[in-house]
């Protein structure tokens, strides 16, 4: 790689103004898909071990994008390390950590904690790229951070296992913060489908050892496997296609604000379908992250 070109480079979205209708459509669509993913993970874990859930999810996602008509990706040599790193940080590591975390905390709380992603994305941009958010975006991040703290506190008080689960989720969201700052420039150069198809294919290789190792623990349950299939095809393949498009349109930091809406979906579905218990303080946190999302989606300063 050329010394003049760092691994992480600053990239604005093509739309730096307030979100357009298409931006909001992508934003809300991916929030619904990824917000429900935590429910599908929880159902899948009833019969499928965490490593196999991850392998099936990533593999099916890669297969879904491979079936879409797309031109062959001719990657510049300097972008190859970025793509490999993206496959690790956006897929392999976090997709392994989420199922492991949900063995000790419920799907609703996992989804709520995932709302920390914009904080990490903004911090990465500020530290590595010197692109700190300003104005209403900065206020939105601050309000959202207070909401994340409110969501986290009740879980931390539930004991060591719950604390470990919460830390695994936060580690996954830290990976997302780095990944979102990698994805924008790549998507703008090569397009959403080529980038994400190659990313998921590489990630399948990285998660395969853990998945194969846990294969002996698999039990057959139609409902659990159906959830894993939906998680792979829709929640991974199609979802990453949409998300990469959003990152290219509005930039990494603003695209990451989508995780301010994911908690609402995860909370609603977890309570409705799994009977998840959520502390009142966490509800206050959800309100705060919604306010943060509204402020953070304003035009770049």
Protein backbone atom coordinates (compact mmCIF):
# COMPACT_ATOMS: atom_id res chain seq x y z
CA UNK A 1 0.00 0.00 0.00
CA UNK A 2 1.25 3.47 -0.79
CA UNK A 3 2.63 5.34 2.23
CA UNK A 4 0.71 8.42 1.17
CA UNK A 5 -2.62 6.63 1.59
CA UNK A 6 -3.56 5.70 5.19
CA UNK A 7 -5.73 2.68 5.93
CA UNK A 8 -8.60 4.87 7.16
CA UNK A 9 -9.49 7.83 4.94
CA UNK A 10 -12.12 10.51 5.40
CA UNK A 11 -15.21 10.19 3.24
CA UNK A 12 -18.35 12.28 3.10
CA UNK A 13 -21.60 10.93 1.77
CA UNK A 14 -22.85 12.18 -1.57
CA UNK A 15 -25.69 13.87 0.33
CA UNK A 16 -24.42 16.17 3.08
CA UNK A 17 -27.74 17.95 3.50
CA UNK A 18 -30.63 16.76 5.67
CA UNK A 19 -31.81 13.24 4.85
CA UNK A 20 -33.73 12.95 1.57
CA UNK A 21 -36.79 10.64 1.30
CA UNK A 22 -34.60 7.86 -0.15
CA UNK A 23 -32.13 8.23 2.74
CA UNK A 24 -34.96 7.93 5.26
CA UNK A 25 -36.35 4.88 3.44
CA UNK A 26 -32.97 3.13 3.60
CA UNK A 27 -32.51 4.28 7.18
CA UNK A 28 -35.86 2.98 8.44
CA UNK A 29 -35.71 -0.21 6.39
CA UNK A 30 -32.37 -1.27 7.79
CA UNK A 31 -33.48 -0.35 11.31
CA UNK A 32 -36.43 -2.74 11.02
CA UNK A 33 -34.29 -5.53 9.57
CA UNK A 34 -31.40 -5.27 12.02
CA UNK A 35 -33.66 -4.51 14.97
CA UNK A 36 -35.41 -7.84 14.39
CA UNK A 37 -32.12 -9.71 13.95
CA UNK A 38 -31.62 -9.97 17.69
CA UNK A 39 -34.95 -11.78 17.99
CA UNK A 40 -33.98 -14.20 15.23
CA UNK A 41 -30.64 -14.83 16.94
CA UNK A 42 -32.41 -15.64 20.20
CA UNK A 43 -34.76 -18.09 18.47
CA UNK A 44 -31.91 -19.70 16.57
CA UNK A 45 -29.86 -20.20 19.75
CA UNK A 46 -32.58 -22.50 21.10
CA UNK A 47 -31.24 -25.31 18.90
CA UNK A 48 -28.17 -23.93 17.11
CA UNK A 49 -24.93 -23.05 18.98
CA UNK A 50 -23.52 -19.55 18.65
CA UNK A 51 -20.69 -20.47 16.27
CA UNK A 52 -23.03 -22.23 13.87
CA UNK A 53 -25.50 -19.35 13.97
CA UNK A 54 -22.68 -17.04 12.91
CA UNK A 55 -21.38 -19.34 10.18
CA UNK A 56 -24.85 -19.97 8.72
CA UNK A 57 -25.74 -16.29 8.89
CA UNK A 58 -22.59 -15.05 7.19
CA UNK A 59 -22.49 -17.87 4.65
CA UNK A 60 -26.13 -17.39 3.62
CA UNK A 61 -25.58 -13.65 3.41
CA UNK A 62 -22.60 -14.17 1.11
CA UNK A 63 -24.57 -16.60 -1.04
CA UNK A 64 -27.48 -14.15 -1.32
CA UNK A 65 -25.28 -11.38 -2.66
CA UNK A 66 -23.38 -13.79 -4.91
CA UNK A 67 -26.66 -14.60 -6.66
CA UNK A 68 -27.31 -10.95 -7.52
CA UNK A 69 -26.17 -9.78 -10.97
CA UNK A 70 -23.09 -7.66 -10.43
CA UNK A 71 -19.90 -6.79 -12.29
CA UNK A 72 -16.70 -8.49 -11.17
CA UNK A 73 -14.92 -6.41 -8.54
CA UNK A 74 -11.54 -5.14 -9.76
CA UNK A 75 -10.01 -4.03 -6.48
CA UNK A 76 -7.08 -1.59 -6.41
CA UNK A 77 -4.11 -3.11 -4.55
CA UNK A 78 -4.21 -0.35 -1.92
CA UNK A 79 -7.84 -1.22 -1.09
CA UNK A 80 -7.26 -4.93 -0.49
CA UNK A 81 -6.17 -4.51 3.14
CA UNK A 82 -9.21 -2.30 3.74
CA UNK A 83 -11.56 -4.95 2.40
CA UNK A 84 -9.96 -7.68 4.51
CA UNK A 85 -10.14 -5.49 7.60
CA UNK A 86 -13.75 -4.62 6.81
CA UNK A 87 -14.65 -8.32 6.66
CA UNK A 88 -13.17 -8.78 10.12
CA UNK A 89 -14.52 -5.66 11.82
CA UNK A 90 -17.96 -5.39 10.24
CA UNK A 91 -18.84 -9.08 10.07
CA UNK A 92 -16.58 -11.79 11.51
CA UNK A 93 -15.93 -10.38 14.99
CA UNK A 94 -19.26 -8.68 15.82
CA UNK A 95 -21.39 -11.48 14.32
CA UNK A 96 -19.51 -13.91 16.56
CA UNK A 97 -19.86 -11.74 19.66
CA UNK A 98 -23.60 -11.04 19.44
CA UNK A 99 -24.77 -14.68 19.74
CA UNK A 100 -22.28 -15.26 22.56
CA UNK A 101 -23.60 -12.18 24.35
CA UNK A 102 -27.20 -13.30 23.99
CA UNK A 103 -26.46 -16.39 26.03
CA UNK A 104 -26.38 -14.12 29.10
CA UNK A 105 -28.52 -11.10 28.17
CA UNK A 106 -31.82 -11.01 26.31
CA UNK A 107 -32.44 -9.84 22.75
CA UNK A 108 -34.06 -6.58 23.82
CA UNK A 109 -31.11 -5.47 25.95
CA UNK A 110 -28.64 -6.58 23.25
CA UNK A 111 -30.45 -4.42 20.71
CA UNK A 112 -30.54 -1.49 23.11
CA UNK A 113 -26.80 -1.68 23.78
CA UNK A 114 -26.13 -1.85 20.04
CA UNK A 115 -27.21 1.78 19.99
CA UNK A 116 -23.68 2.70 21.14
CA UNK A 117 -22.41 2.29 17.56
CA UNK A 118 -22.77 5.97 16.55
CA UNK A 119 -20.69 7.01 19.54
CA UNK A 120 -17.83 4.77 18.45
CA UNK A 121 -18.18 5.72 14.77
CA UNK A 122 -17.96 9.41 15.66
CA UNK A 123 -15.00 8.84 17.98
CA UNK A 124 -13.11 6.89 15.31
CA UNK A 125 -13.79 9.62 12.77
CA UNK A 126 -12.69 12.29 15.24
CA UNK A 127 -9.49 10.56 16.36
CA UNK A 128 -8.25 8.80 13.21
CA UNK A 129 -9.76 11.01 10.52
CA UNK A 130 -10.00 14.32 12.36
CA UNK A 131 -13.63 14.63 11.31
CA UNK A 132 -15.37 15.48 14.56
CA UNK A 133 -19.15 16.06 14.37
CA UNK A 134 -20.33 19.57 15.16
CA UNK A 135 -23.49 21.50 15.92
CA UNK A 136 -26.70 19.52 16.20
CA UNK A 137 -24.92 16.30 15.23
CA UNK A 138 -22.67 16.66 18.29
CA UNK A 139 -25.67 17.39 20.49
CA UNK A 140 -27.42 14.32 19.08
CA UNK A 141 -24.44 12.11 19.90
CA UNK A 142 -24.28 13.49 23.44
CA UNK A 143 -27.99 12.90 24.04
CA UNK A 144 -27.72 9.43 22.55
CA UNK A 145 -24.75 8.62 24.79
CA UNK A 146 -26.77 9.51 27.89
CA UNK A 147 -29.49 7.19 26.59
CA UNK A 148 -27.01 4.33 26.14
CA UNK A 149 -25.79 4.80 29.71
CA UNK A 150 -29.38 4.65 30.94
CA UNK A 151 -29.93 1.43 29.00
CA UNK A 152 -26.70 -0.16 30.25
CA UNK A 153 -26.91 0.52 33.98
CA UNK A 154 -29.71 -1.97 34.83
CA UNK A 155 -27.94 -4.75 32.91
CA UNK A 156 -24.62 -4.11 34.64
CA UNK A 157 -26.36 -4.55 37.98
CA UNK A 158 -27.63 -8.03 37.11
CA UNK A 159 -24.34 -9.83 37.84
CA UNK A 160 -21.12 -11.04 36.23
CA UNK A 161 -22.71 -12.98 33.37
CA UNK A 162 -24.89 -10.05 32.35
CA UNK A 163 -21.91 -7.71 32.60
CA UNK A 164 -19.88 -10.01 30.36
CA UNK A 165 -22.70 -10.08 27.82
CA UNK A 166 -22.95 -6.30 27.86
CA UNK A 167 -19.20 -5.93 27.35
CA UNK A 168 -19.30 -8.34 24.39
CA UNK A 169 -22.01 -6.21 22.76
CA UNK A 170 -20.05 -3.01 23.35
CA UNK A 171 -16.95 -4.66 21.86
CA UNK A 172 -18.99 -5.57 18.79
CA UNK A 173 -20.25 -2.01 18.45
CA UNK A 174 -16.68 -0.71 18.74
CA UNK A 175 -15.84 -2.89 15.74
CA UNK A 176 -18.80 -1.34 13.90
CA UNK A 177 -17.43 2.13 14.67
CA UNK A 178 -14.21 1.31 12.82
CA UNK A 179 -15.96 -0.62 10.05
CA UNK A 180 -18.34 2.18 9.12
CA UNK A 181 -15.40 4.48 8.52
CA UNK A 182 -13.88 1.87 6.20
CA UNK A 183 -17.08 1.07 4.31
CA UNK A 184 -17.91 4.54 2.98
CA UNK A 185 -14.92 5.07 0.65
CA UNK A 186 -15.07 1.47 -0.60
CA UNK A 187 -18.79 1.67 -1.37
CA UNK A 188 -18.35 4.93 -3.25
CA UNK A 189 -15.53 3.49 -5.39
CA UNK A 190 -16.94 0.06 -6.18
CA UNK A 191 -20.67 -0.01 -5.31
CA UNK A 192 -22.60 -1.66 -2.49
CA UNK A 193 -23.12 -5.18 -3.82
CA UNK A 194 -19.53 -5.85 -5.03
CA UNK A 195 -18.05 -4.61 -1.75
CA UNK A 196 -20.44 -6.46 0.55
CA UNK A 197 -20.41 -9.68 -1.50
CA UNK A 198 -16.63 -9.87 -1.22
CA UNK A 199 -16.72 -8.81 2.44
CA UNK A 200 -19.20 -11.53 3.41
CA UNK A 201 -17.32 -14.16 1.40
CA UNK A 202 -14.10 -13.36 3.27
CA UNK A 203 -15.90 -13.27 6.61
CA UNK A 204 -17.32 -16.74 5.93
CA UNK A 205 -13.76 -18.04 5.84
CA UNK A 206 -12.85 -16.30 9.12
CA UNK A 207 -15.85 -17.66 11.08
CA UNK A 208 -15.77 -21.17 9.61
CA UNK A 209 -13.40 -22.79 12.16
CA UNK A 210 -15.55 -21.80 15.17
CA UNK A 211 -18.76 -22.79 13.37
CA UNK A 212 -17.48 -26.20 12.31
CA UNK A 213 -16.12 -26.84 15.80
CA UNK A 214 -19.58 -26.31 17.32
CA UNK A 215 -21.43 -28.24 14.61
CA UNK A 216 -21.63 -31.34 16.79
CA UNK A 217 -23.90 -29.47 19.23
CA UNK A 218 -26.57 -28.70 16.61
CA UNK A 219 -30.12 -29.92 17.25
CA UNK A 220 -32.82 -30.03 14.58
CA UNK A 221 -35.61 -27.54 15.21
CA UNK A 222 -37.52 -26.16 12.19
CA UNK A 223 -38.35 -22.87 13.89
CA UNK A 224 -34.77 -22.25 14.99
CA UNK A 225 -33.34 -23.03 11.56
CA UNK A 226 -35.98 -20.92 9.82
CA UNK A 227 -34.89 -17.99 11.99
CA UNK A 228 -31.26 -18.57 11.07
CA UNK A 229 -32.12 -18.65 7.36
CA UNK A 230 -34.03 -15.35 7.59
CA UNK A 231 -31.15 -13.92 9.59
CA UNK A 232 -28.70 -14.88 6.85
CA UNK A 233 -30.64 -14.00 3.70
CA UNK A 234 -32.49 -10.87 4.85
CA UNK A 235 -30.73 -9.79 8.04
CA UNK A 236 -27.26 -10.14 6.56
CA UNK A 237 -27.12 -10.36 2.75
CA UNK A 238 -29.82 -7.86 1.82
CA UNK A 239 -29.29 -5.75 4.93
CA UNK A 240 -25.61 -5.13 4.27
CA UNK A 241 -26.39 -4.20 0.70
CA UNK A 242 -28.82 -1.54 1.93
CA UNK A 243 -26.52 -0.36 4.70
CA UNK A 244 -23.51 0.04 2.42
CA UNK A 245 -25.70 2.12 0.10
CA UNK A 246 -26.75 4.32 3.01
CA UNK A 247 -23.12 4.82 4.12
CA UNK A 248 -22.19 5.89 0.59
CA UNK A 249 -25.09 8.35 0.45
CA UNK A 250 -24.88 10.05 3.85
CA UNK A 251 -21.41 9.19 5.21
CA UNK A 252 -20.26 6.79 7.92
CA UNK A 253 -21.09 8.86 11.00
CA UNK A 254 -24.63 9.76 9.97
CA UNK A 255 -25.33 6.26 8.65
CA UNK A 256 -24.29 4.86 12.03
CA UNK A 257 -27.13 6.81 13.65
CA UNK A 258 -29.37 4.04 12.39
CA UNK A 259 -28.46 2.18 15.54
CA UNK A 260 -30.40 4.81 17.48
CA UNK A 261 -33.58 3.28 16.01
CA UNK A 262 -32.56 -0.38 16.16
CA UNK A 263 -33.06 -0.46 19.96
CA UNK A 264 -36.71 0.52 19.57
CA UNK A 265 -37.36 -2.37 17.20
CA UNK A 266 -35.34 -4.83 19.29
CA UNK A 267 -37.10 -3.78 22.48
CA UNK A 268 -40.58 -4.03 20.99
CA UNK A 269 -40.02 -7.45 19.43
CA UNK A 270 -38.17 -8.85 22.44
CA UNK A 271 -40.96 -7.88 24.83
CA UNK A 272 -43.76 -8.94 22.47
CA UNK A 273 -42.41 -12.32 21.33
CA UNK A 274 -39.90 -13.39 24.01
CA UNK A 275 -41.31 -11.82 27.15
CA UNK A 276 -38.02 -9.99 27.70
CA UNK A 277 -37.91 -7.86 30.82
CA UNK A 278 -36.57 -4.35 30.43
CA UNK A 279 -35.94 -1.93 33.31
CA UNK A 280 -37.85 1.41 33.34
CA UNK A 281 -34.54 3.27 33.15
CA UNK A 282 -33.84 1.54 29.84
CA UNK A 283 -37.14 2.87 28.49
CA UNK A 284 -35.97 6.37 29.34
CA UNK A 285 -32.78 5.56 27.46
CA UNK A 286 -34.74 4.57 24.36
CA UNK A 287 -36.52 7.93 24.39
CA UNK A 288 -33.19 9.71 24.61
CA UNK A 289 -31.66 7.77 21.72
CA UNK A 290 -34.69 8.63 19.57
CA UNK A 291 -34.15 12.31 20.31
CA UNK A 292 -30.47 11.85 19.53
CA UNK A 293 -31.31 10.24 16.21
CA UNK A 294 -33.47 13.17 15.19
CA UNK A 295 -30.76 15.69 16.02
CA UNK A 296 -27.96 13.62 14.54
CA UNK A 297 -29.65 13.29 11.16
CA UNK A 298 -29.44 17.01 10.50
CA UNK A 299 -27.23 18.42 7.76
CA UNK A 300 -23.45 18.30 8.17
CA UNK A 301 -22.10 21.49 9.72
